[in-house]
């Protein structure tokens, strides 16, 4: 294979990691895959004096898109614009593109995949959903013989780190968030992570691939972890459970449900032991059953490794393109009010009040965590609509967390 020229858009954390992986592992990549990769350009607004790649830095995208030698473009800019425009123009020029940008894939992936197919190029985004965990490629290739009917996972390393530290050290959310920001696990503006938006985009992308039809992330019911308190964690421990931010989608017949929300997870569940910045994704197929993908969901090297794996596959399929798409027709999601599960509820009051609550909920399991002036209880399995209607009749509800049953 002739030398393959690559351009990297954005020389931040992931972009610099991609350049490092290609440079450091060049000979290994060549030996294992036959792909002779070379970074020709790095697009960034900044200068990088003293950087070993400073001579490759350009500030004008026209240099890249108009250079016929550049066959693969790596987009690690983040955001929708100008990343979308740059990606679109690269694909129209017949250049393959790979990205770690889940915001762009969730917003415009359907259109970009169609463009790639039209121009015999590839649009790949392995690193957009699991950081360094391979999940897109298995869905596209290894599991394509199965009918996938469920995906459940811890898809955000930042929130999992925060919850793990709150659980291990008994700290409040705000304290741990500051620690996560200092360590570089959380952004200065952490809203996308802690309010669940990042996980929401990821489950929409995975569901689109799994079910073959576009899942609009704005249709996915989403809750984050910013309201989880140390009191919630005390109750979780009293029940022998932990709290995880889960993203899931499930297909039953023609009905698809999707949600992102904190859940109580028991010790018999493999997700119980997924701690820190690690992510885990369960996929259920009608022939395979359960498969779990586990690994570091964030971090410069882990994410860059996944991006470069896409670069290698694109280099091996130049002029043909990698088949990866879903129908542009939107897949309607079922109202979550119909989903069934148990709920853990914290309420102001004492044991005497529990009898009234039991009458409303039709039987409950009370939980004590040694906190004065309140108690907790587990409901029986019921729909979200049933829960909301019954909860409206109970005064003093402090919080509710859904329960994941395996």
Protein backbone atom coordinates (compact mmCIF):
# COMPACT_ATOMS: atom_id res chain seq x y z
CA UNK A 1 0.00 0.00 0.00
CA UNK A 2 1.29 3.46 -0.92
CA UNK A 3 1.73 6.05 1.79
CA UNK A 4 -1.64 7.40 2.97
CA UNK A 5 -1.72 11.12 3.73
CA UNK A 6 -3.86 12.16 6.70
CA UNK A 7 -5.04 15.59 7.86
CA UNK A 8 -6.11 16.18 11.47
CA UNK A 9 -8.64 18.92 12.23
CA UNK A 10 -8.07 20.23 15.75
CA UNK A 11 -4.87 19.79 17.77
CA UNK A 12 -6.46 19.57 21.19
CA UNK A 13 -6.55 16.58 23.52
CA UNK A 14 -7.86 13.99 21.07
CA UNK A 15 -6.28 15.47 17.92
CA UNK A 16 -2.81 15.56 19.44
CA UNK A 17 -3.40 12.03 20.70
CA UNK A 18 -4.21 10.85 17.17
CA UNK A 19 -0.99 12.36 15.81
CA UNK A 20 0.95 10.75 18.67
CA UNK A 21 -0.54 7.29 18.01
CA UNK A 22 0.16 7.48 14.27
CA UNK A 23 3.74 8.66 14.82
CA UNK A 24 4.63 6.40 17.77
CA UNK A 25 3.01 3.22 16.44
CA UNK A 26 3.71 3.79 12.74
CA UNK A 27 5.80 0.66 12.22
CA UNK A 28 3.47 -1.54 14.25
CA UNK A 29 0.43 -0.27 12.32
CA UNK A 30 2.22 -0.83 9.01
CA UNK A 31 3.26 -4.34 9.96
CA UNK A 32 -0.16 -5.43 11.21
CA UNK A 33 -2.41 -3.70 8.69
CA UNK A 34 -0.30 -2.68 5.72
CA UNK A 35 -1.43 0.94 6.24
CA UNK A 36 1.49 3.37 5.82
CA UNK A 37 -0.01 6.40 7.56
CA UNK A 38 1.51 9.87 7.46
CA UNK A 39 0.10 13.07 9.00
CA UNK A 40 0.55 15.79 6.40
CA UNK A 41 -1.49 18.63 7.94
CA UNK A 42 -2.83 19.70 11.32
CA UNK A 43 -5.54 22.35 11.20
CA UNK A 44 -5.74 24.68 14.19
CA UNK A 45 -6.17 28.38 14.88
CA UNK A 46 -3.20 28.36 17.26
CA UNK A 47 0.53 28.18 16.72
CA UNK A 48 2.55 25.47 18.46
CA UNK A 49 6.14 26.76 18.71
CA UNK A 50 8.56 24.02 19.74
CA UNK A 51 6.07 21.23 19.02
CA UNK A 52 7.63 18.45 16.91
CA UNK A 53 4.72 18.84 14.46
CA UNK A 54 4.67 22.64 14.27
CA UNK A 55 5.62 22.62 10.57
CA UNK A 56 2.48 20.63 9.74
CA UNK A 57 0.12 23.19 11.31
CA UNK A 58 -2.05 25.16 8.88
CA UNK A 59 -4.81 27.67 9.59
CA UNK A 60 -6.77 27.50 6.33
CA UNK A 61 -8.99 24.49 5.64
CA UNK A 62 -8.80 25.15 1.90
CA UNK A 63 -5.21 23.87 1.96
CA UNK A 64 -6.47 20.48 3.14
CA UNK A 65 -9.68 20.05 1.17
CA UNK A 66 -7.98 21.09 -2.10
CA UNK A 67 -4.93 18.84 -1.69
CA UNK A 68 -5.53 15.65 -3.73
CA UNK A 69 -2.83 13.85 -1.73
CA UNK A 70 -4.93 13.99 1.45
CA UNK A 71 -7.09 10.89 1.44
CA UNK A 72 -8.29 10.77 5.05
CA UNK A 73 -9.45 13.61 7.29
CA UNK A 74 -9.65 13.17 11.08
CA UNK A 75 -12.15 15.56 12.67
CA UNK A 76 -11.51 16.11 16.37
CA UNK A 77 -12.76 19.70 16.63
CA UNK A 78 -15.97 19.02 18.54
CA UNK A 79 -19.26 20.84 18.14
CA UNK A 80 -21.48 20.92 15.07
CA UNK A 81 -19.95 23.86 13.18
CA UNK A 82 -17.57 24.28 11.48
CA UNK A 83 -17.02 20.53 11.91
CA UNK A 84 -20.09 19.67 9.82
CA UNK A 85 -19.13 21.96 6.93
CA UNK A 86 -15.53 20.72 6.91
CA UNK A 87 -16.65 17.07 7.04
CA UNK A 88 -19.23 17.56 4.29
CA UNK A 89 -16.71 19.18 1.96
CA UNK A 90 -14.13 16.47 2.61
CA UNK A 91 -16.64 13.71 1.76
CA UNK A 92 -17.79 15.57 -1.36
CA UNK A 93 -14.13 15.67 -2.43
CA UNK A 94 -13.99 11.87 -2.03
CA UNK A 95 -11.91 11.98 1.14
CA UNK A 96 -12.83 9.60 3.96
CA UNK A 97 -13.47 11.12 7.38
CA UNK A 98 -13.36 9.71 10.90
CA UNK A 99 -14.32 11.48 14.10
CA UNK A 100 -14.73 11.29 17.86
CA UNK A 101 -17.39 14.03 17.74
CA UNK A 102 -20.60 12.47 19.12
CA UNK A 103 -22.44 15.80 18.96
CA UNK A 104 -21.93 16.01 15.20
CA UNK A 105 -22.74 12.32 14.60
CA UNK A 106 -25.93 12.55 16.66
CA UNK A 107 -27.04 15.75 14.89
CA UNK A 108 -25.96 15.18 11.26
CA UNK A 109 -24.65 11.63 11.04
CA UNK A 110 -27.48 10.41 8.77
CA UNK A 111 -26.65 13.04 6.15
CA UNK A 112 -22.88 12.50 6.38
CA UNK A 113 -23.19 8.72 6.04
CA UNK A 114 -25.28 9.19 2.89
CA UNK A 115 -22.69 11.60 1.48
CA UNK A 116 -19.89 9.15 2.17
CA UNK A 117 -21.74 6.40 0.32
CA UNK A 118 -22.48 8.71 -2.62
CA UNK A 119 -18.78 9.58 -3.03
CA UNK A 120 -17.31 6.09 -2.39
CA UNK A 121 -15.76 7.33 0.82
CA UNK A 122 -16.15 6.35 4.49
CA UNK A 123 -17.52 8.20 7.49
CA UNK A 124 -16.50 6.42 10.69
CA UNK A 125 -16.99 7.33 14.35
CA UNK A 126 -15.85 4.49 16.60
CA UNK A 127 -14.56 6.87 19.28
CA UNK A 128 -17.82 8.83 19.50
CA UNK A 129 -19.65 6.39 21.77
CA UNK A 130 -17.25 4.50 23.99
CA UNK A 131 -13.96 6.35 23.92
CA UNK A 132 -11.44 3.54 23.66
CA UNK A 133 -14.04 0.75 23.84
CA UNK A 134 -14.73 -0.90 20.47
CA UNK A 135 -18.53 -0.91 20.09
CA UNK A 136 -19.43 0.67 16.72
CA UNK A 137 -17.33 -1.82 14.75
CA UNK A 138 -18.75 -4.87 16.57
CA UNK A 139 -22.29 -3.62 15.91
CA UNK A 140 -21.44 -3.06 12.25
CA UNK A 141 -19.55 -6.30 11.64
CA UNK A 142 -19.25 -8.95 14.38
CA UNK A 143 -22.91 -8.74 15.46
CA UNK A 144 -24.50 -8.09 12.07
CA UNK A 145 -25.86 -11.67 11.94
CA UNK A 146 -27.89 -10.97 15.10
CA UNK A 147 -31.06 -9.00 15.55
CA UNK A 148 -30.10 -6.56 18.32
CA UNK A 149 -33.00 -5.78 20.64
CA UNK A 150 -31.38 -4.09 23.64
CA UNK A 151 -28.43 -1.85 24.50
CA UNK A 152 -27.70 -0.78 28.07
CA UNK A 153 -24.60 0.90 29.35
CA UNK A 154 -22.58 3.28 31.41
CA UNK A 155 -21.63 5.60 28.56
CA UNK A 156 -20.05 8.55 30.33
CA UNK A 157 -16.80 8.28 32.26
CA UNK A 158 -17.14 11.69 33.93
CA UNK A 159 -20.44 10.89 35.64
CA UNK A 160 -19.28 7.41 36.58
CA UNK A 161 -16.15 8.88 38.19
CA UNK A 162 -18.26 11.39 40.14
CA UNK A 163 -20.73 8.75 41.37
CA UNK A 164 -17.93 6.34 42.30
CA UNK A 165 -16.15 8.99 44.37
CA UNK A 166 -19.40 10.08 46.06
CA UNK A 167 -20.09 6.45 46.97
CA UNK A 168 -16.56 5.62 48.14
CA UNK A 169 -15.98 8.79 50.15
CA UNK A 170 -19.47 9.92 51.16
CA UNK A 171 -19.05 13.30 49.47
CA UNK A 172 -21.67 15.57 47.91
CA UNK A 173 -21.99 16.10 44.15
CA UNK A 174 -20.59 19.66 44.11
CA UNK A 175 -17.41 18.64 45.97
CA UNK A 176 -16.67 15.75 43.64
CA UNK A 177 -17.44 17.79 40.52
CA UNK A 178 -14.73 20.29 41.49
CA UNK A 179 -12.29 17.41 42.00
CA UNK A 180 -13.22 15.93 38.60
CA UNK A 181 -12.64 19.31 36.93
CA UNK A 182 -9.23 19.67 38.61
CA UNK A 183 -8.23 16.19 37.40
CA UNK A 184 -9.38 16.95 33.85
CA UNK A 185 -12.22 14.40 33.89
CA UNK A 186 -14.91 17.10 33.73
CA UNK A 187 -15.12 20.18 31.52
CA UNK A 188 -15.24 23.71 32.90
CA UNK A 189 -18.88 23.68 31.79
CA UNK A 190 -19.86 20.12 32.78
CA UNK A 191 -23.53 20.32 31.77
CA UNK A 192 -23.31 17.92 28.79
CA UNK A 193 -21.89 15.22 31.05
CA UNK A 194 -23.65 15.67 34.38
CA UNK A 195 -27.11 16.36 32.93
CA UNK A 196 -26.92 13.24 30.75
CA UNK A 197 -26.80 14.91 27.33
CA UNK A 198 -23.53 13.22 26.33
CA UNK A 199 -24.86 9.75 27.19
CA UNK A 200 -28.11 10.61 25.41
CA UNK A 201 -26.31 11.35 22.13
CA UNK A 202 -24.32 8.13 22.44
CA UNK A 203 -27.33 5.88 23.04
CA UNK A 204 -29.08 7.53 20.07
CA UNK A 205 -26.10 6.74 17.79
CA UNK A 206 -25.82 3.15 19.04
CA UNK A 207 -29.56 2.60 18.71
CA UNK A 208 -29.60 3.98 15.16
CA UNK A 209 -26.91 1.48 14.18
CA UNK A 210 -28.47 -1.42 16.06
CA UNK A 211 -32.01 -0.93 14.79
CA UNK A 212 -31.13 0.39 11.32
CA UNK A 213 -33.25 3.52 11.59
CA UNK A 214 -32.48 7.05 12.80
CA UNK A 215 -33.05 7.61 16.50
CA UNK A 216 -33.33 11.34 17.23
CA UNK A 217 -31.46 12.08 20.44
CA UNK A 218 -33.88 14.90 21.26
CA UNK A 219 -36.63 12.26 21.63
CA UNK A 220 -34.71 10.34 24.33
CA UNK A 221 -35.93 10.97 27.88
CA UNK A 222 -32.87 12.23 29.79
CA UNK A 223 -31.99 12.83 33.45
CA UNK A 224 -28.52 13.51 34.82
CA UNK A 225 -26.82 13.04 38.18
CA UNK A 226 -26.72 16.62 39.51
CA UNK A 227 -29.58 15.91 41.96
CA UNK A 228 -28.02 12.75 43.43
CA UNK A 229 -27.06 13.38 47.07
CA UNK A 230 -25.02 11.65 49.75
CA UNK A 231 -28.37 10.73 51.37
CA UNK A 232 -29.38 8.80 48.21
CA UNK A 233 -26.07 6.95 48.41
CA UNK A 234 -26.60 6.01 52.07
CA UNK A 235 -29.90 4.38 51.13
CA UNK A 236 -28.28 2.61 48.17
CA UNK A 237 -25.65 1.16 50.49
CA UNK A 238 -28.34 0.10 52.98
CA UNK A 239 -29.93 -1.90 50.16
CA UNK A 240 -26.61 -3.40 49.05
CA UNK A 241 -26.82 -1.49 45.77
CA UNK A 242 -24.98 1.32 44.03
CA UNK A 243 -26.05 4.17 41.74
CA UNK A 244 -25.08 4.36 38.07
CA UNK A 245 -26.11 6.70 35.26
CA UNK A 246 -27.47 4.27 32.68
CA UNK A 247 -28.37 4.85 29.05
CA UNK A 248 -30.51 2.19 27.46
CA UNK A 249 -32.74 1.42 24.54
CA UNK A 250 -34.93 -1.64 24.06
CA UNK A 251 -36.88 -2.90 21.07
CA UNK A 252 -39.96 -5.05 21.58
CA UNK A 253 -41.69 -5.80 18.29
CA UNK A 254 -42.04 -2.44 16.56
CA UNK A 255 -41.83 -0.50 19.84
CA UNK A 256 -38.55 1.11 20.91
CA UNK A 257 -37.98 2.75 24.29
CA UNK A 258 -34.90 4.79 25.18
CA UNK A 259 -33.85 6.57 28.36
CA UNK A 260 -30.90 8.08 30.22
CA UNK A 261 -31.30 8.26 34.01
CA UNK A 262 -29.66 7.26 37.30
CA UNK A 263 -30.52 3.71 38.39
CA UNK A 264 -29.94 1.59 41.46
CA UNK A 265 -27.83 -1.41 40.49
CA UNK A 266 -27.49 -4.60 42.57
CA UNK A 267 -24.34 -6.60 43.35
CA UNK A 268 -25.41 -9.42 41.03
CA UNK A 269 -25.31 -7.02 38.07
CA UNK A 270 -21.96 -6.75 36.20
CA UNK A 271 -22.49 -2.97 35.95
CA UNK A 272 -22.20 -2.77 39.76
CA UNK A 273 -18.42 -3.20 39.55
CA UNK A 274 -17.83 -0.66 36.77
CA UNK A 275 -16.08 2.15 38.65
CA UNK A 276 -14.23 5.41 38.00
CA UNK A 277 -13.85 6.62 34.42
CA UNK A 278 -14.56 3.15 33.04
CA UNK A 279 -17.54 2.50 30.79
CA UNK A 280 -19.42 -0.70 30.02
CA UNK A 281 -21.96 -1.47 27.31
CA UNK A 282 -24.31 -4.48 27.23
CA UNK A 283 -25.70 -5.57 23.89
CA UNK A 284 -28.38 -8.24 23.61
CA UNK A 285 -28.89 -10.15 20.38
CA UNK A 286 -31.52 -12.75 19.55
CA UNK A 287 -28.84 -15.40 18.84
CA UNK A 288 -25.85 -14.19 20.84
CA UNK A 289 -27.67 -13.29 24.06
CA UNK A 290 -25.70 -10.84 26.20
CA UNK A 291 -22.29 -9.42 25.26
CA UNK A 292 -20.49 -6.82 27.37
CA UNK A 293 -17.92 -4.31 26.16
CA UNK A 294 -15.82 -2.81 28.95
CA UNK A 295 -12.94 -0.37 29.07
CA UNK A 296 -11.76 3.18 29.58
CA UNK A 297 -14.41 5.41 28.09
CA UNK A 298 -12.41 8.62 28.09
CA UNK A 299 -8.84 9.84 28.01
CA UNK A 300 -6.47 11.09 25.35
CA UNK A 301 -4.71 7.86 24.42
CA UNK A 302 -7.75 5.57 24.69
CA UNK A 303 -9.92 7.78 22.47
CA UNK A 304 -7.10 8.46 20.02
CA UNK A 305 -6.48 4.72 19.70
CA UNK A 306 -10.10 4.19 18.63
CA UNK A 307 -9.88 7.05 16.10
CA UNK A 308 -6.72 5.63 14.55
CA UNK A 309 -8.38 2.20 14.25
CA UNK A 310 -10.93 3.94 12.01
CA UNK A 311 -8.13 5.63 10.04
CA UNK A 312 -6.54 2.22 9.42
CA UNK A 313 -9.80 0.66 8.18
CA UNK A 314 -10.43 3.64 5.92
CA UNK A 315 -6.89 3.34 4.53
CA UNK A 316 -7.56 -0.31 3.73
CA UNK A 317 -10.79 0.50 1.88
CA UNK A 318 -9.84 3.63 -0.06
CA UNK A 319 -12.02 4.11 -3.14
CA UNK A 320 -14.63 1.62 -1.89
CA UNK A 321 -15.86 2.98 1.41
CA UNK A 322 -16.91 1.18 4.57
CA UNK A 323 -20.58 0.23 4.64
CA UNK A 324 -22.21 1.86 7.64
CA UNK A 325 -25.60 3.53 7.63
CA UNK A 326 -29.12 3.65 8.92
CA UNK A 327 -32.41 4.69 7.37
CA UNK A 328 -32.97 8.47 7.41
CA UNK A 329 -36.59 7.89 8.42
CA UNK A 330 -36.96 8.70 12.11
CA UNK A 331 -37.69 5.79 14.44
CA UNK A 332 -40.51 6.90 16.76
CA UNK A 333 -39.82 6.17 20.43
CA UNK A 334 -42.45 4.84 22.80
CA UNK A 335 -43.53 7.19 25.57
CA UNK A 336 -41.60 6.21 28.71
CA UNK A 337 -44.86 6.34 30.67
CA UNK A 338 -45.46 2.77 29.45
CA UNK A 339 -42.14 1.36 30.70
CA UNK A 340 -42.27 -0.86 33.78
CA UNK A 341 -39.82 -1.01 36.69
CA UNK A 342 -39.48 -0.60 40.44
CA UNK A 343 -38.71 2.76 42.03
CA UNK A 344 -36.84 3.80 45.16
CA UNK A 345 -38.35 6.86 46.84
CA UNK A 346 -37.15 9.05 49.72
CA UNK A 347 -39.86 10.78 51.74
CA UNK A 348 -40.04 13.19 54.67
CA UNK A 349 -41.69 11.61 57.70
CA UNK A 350 -41.36 8.48 59.81
CA UNK A 351 -42.41 4.85 59.90
CA UNK A 352 -45.95 5.82 60.92
CA UNK A 353 -46.38 7.56 57.56
CA UNK A 354 -45.26 4.46 55.67
CA UNK A 355 -48.62 2.75 56.23
CA UNK A 356 -50.41 5.53 54.31
CA UNK A 357 -47.84 5.33 51.51
CA UNK A 358 -48.28 1.55 51.34
CA UNK A 359 -52.01 2.05 50.80
CA UNK A 360 -51.31 4.41 47.91
CA UNK A 361 -48.63 2.26 46.26
CA UNK A 362 -50.21 -1.12 46.95
CA UNK A 363 -47.39 -2.53 49.06
CA UNK A 364 -43.89 -1.19 49.63
CA UNK A 365 -40.58 -2.30 51.10
CA UNK A 366 -39.34 0.33 53.56
CA UNK A 367 -35.64 1.20 53.80
CA UNK A 368 -33.89 2.93 56.70
CA UNK A 369 -30.49 4.61 56.37
CA UNK A 370 -30.25 6.23 59.81
CA UNK A 371 -31.33 9.68 58.62
CA UNK A 372 -33.64 11.60 60.92
CA UNK A 373 -36.96 12.90 59.64
CA UNK A 374 -37.14 10.74 56.56
CA UNK A 375 -37.34 7.17 55.29
CA UNK A 376 -37.14 5.39 51.96
CA UNK A 377 -39.18 2.71 50.24
CA UNK A 378 -39.10 0.45 47.21
CA UNK A 379 -42.25 0.13 45.14
CA UNK A 380 -43.52 -2.92 43.36
CA UNK A 381 -43.00 -3.03 39.60
CA UNK A 382 -45.27 -0.56 37.82
CA UNK A 383 -45.35 1.76 34.83
CA UNK A 384 -43.89 5.25 34.96
CA UNK A 385 -47.41 6.59 34.56
CA UNK A 386 -48.63 4.56 37.55
CA UNK A 387 -45.71 5.80 39.63
CA UNK A 388 -46.30 9.45 38.75
CA UNK A 389 -50.02 9.23 39.51
CA UNK A 390 -49.42 7.59 42.89
CA UNK A 391 -46.49 9.82 43.81
CA UNK A 392 -48.71 12.87 43.27
CA UNK A 393 -50.76 11.68 46.25
CA UNK A 394 -47.76 11.49 48.60
CA UNK A 395 -46.52 14.63 50.37
CA UNK A 396 -42.86 15.26 51.07
CA UNK A 397 -41.15 13.18 48.35
CA UNK A 398 -37.44 14.12 48.36
CA UNK A 399 -36.13 12.03 45.47
CA UNK A 400 -36.81 9.05 43.23
CA UNK A 401 -34.34 6.68 41.58
CA UNK A 402 -35.29 3.89 39.20
CA UNK A 403 -34.19 0.32 39.92
CA UNK A 404 -32.43 -1.84 37.34
CA UNK A 405 -33.42 -5.48 37.68
CA UNK A 406 -31.33 -8.18 36.06
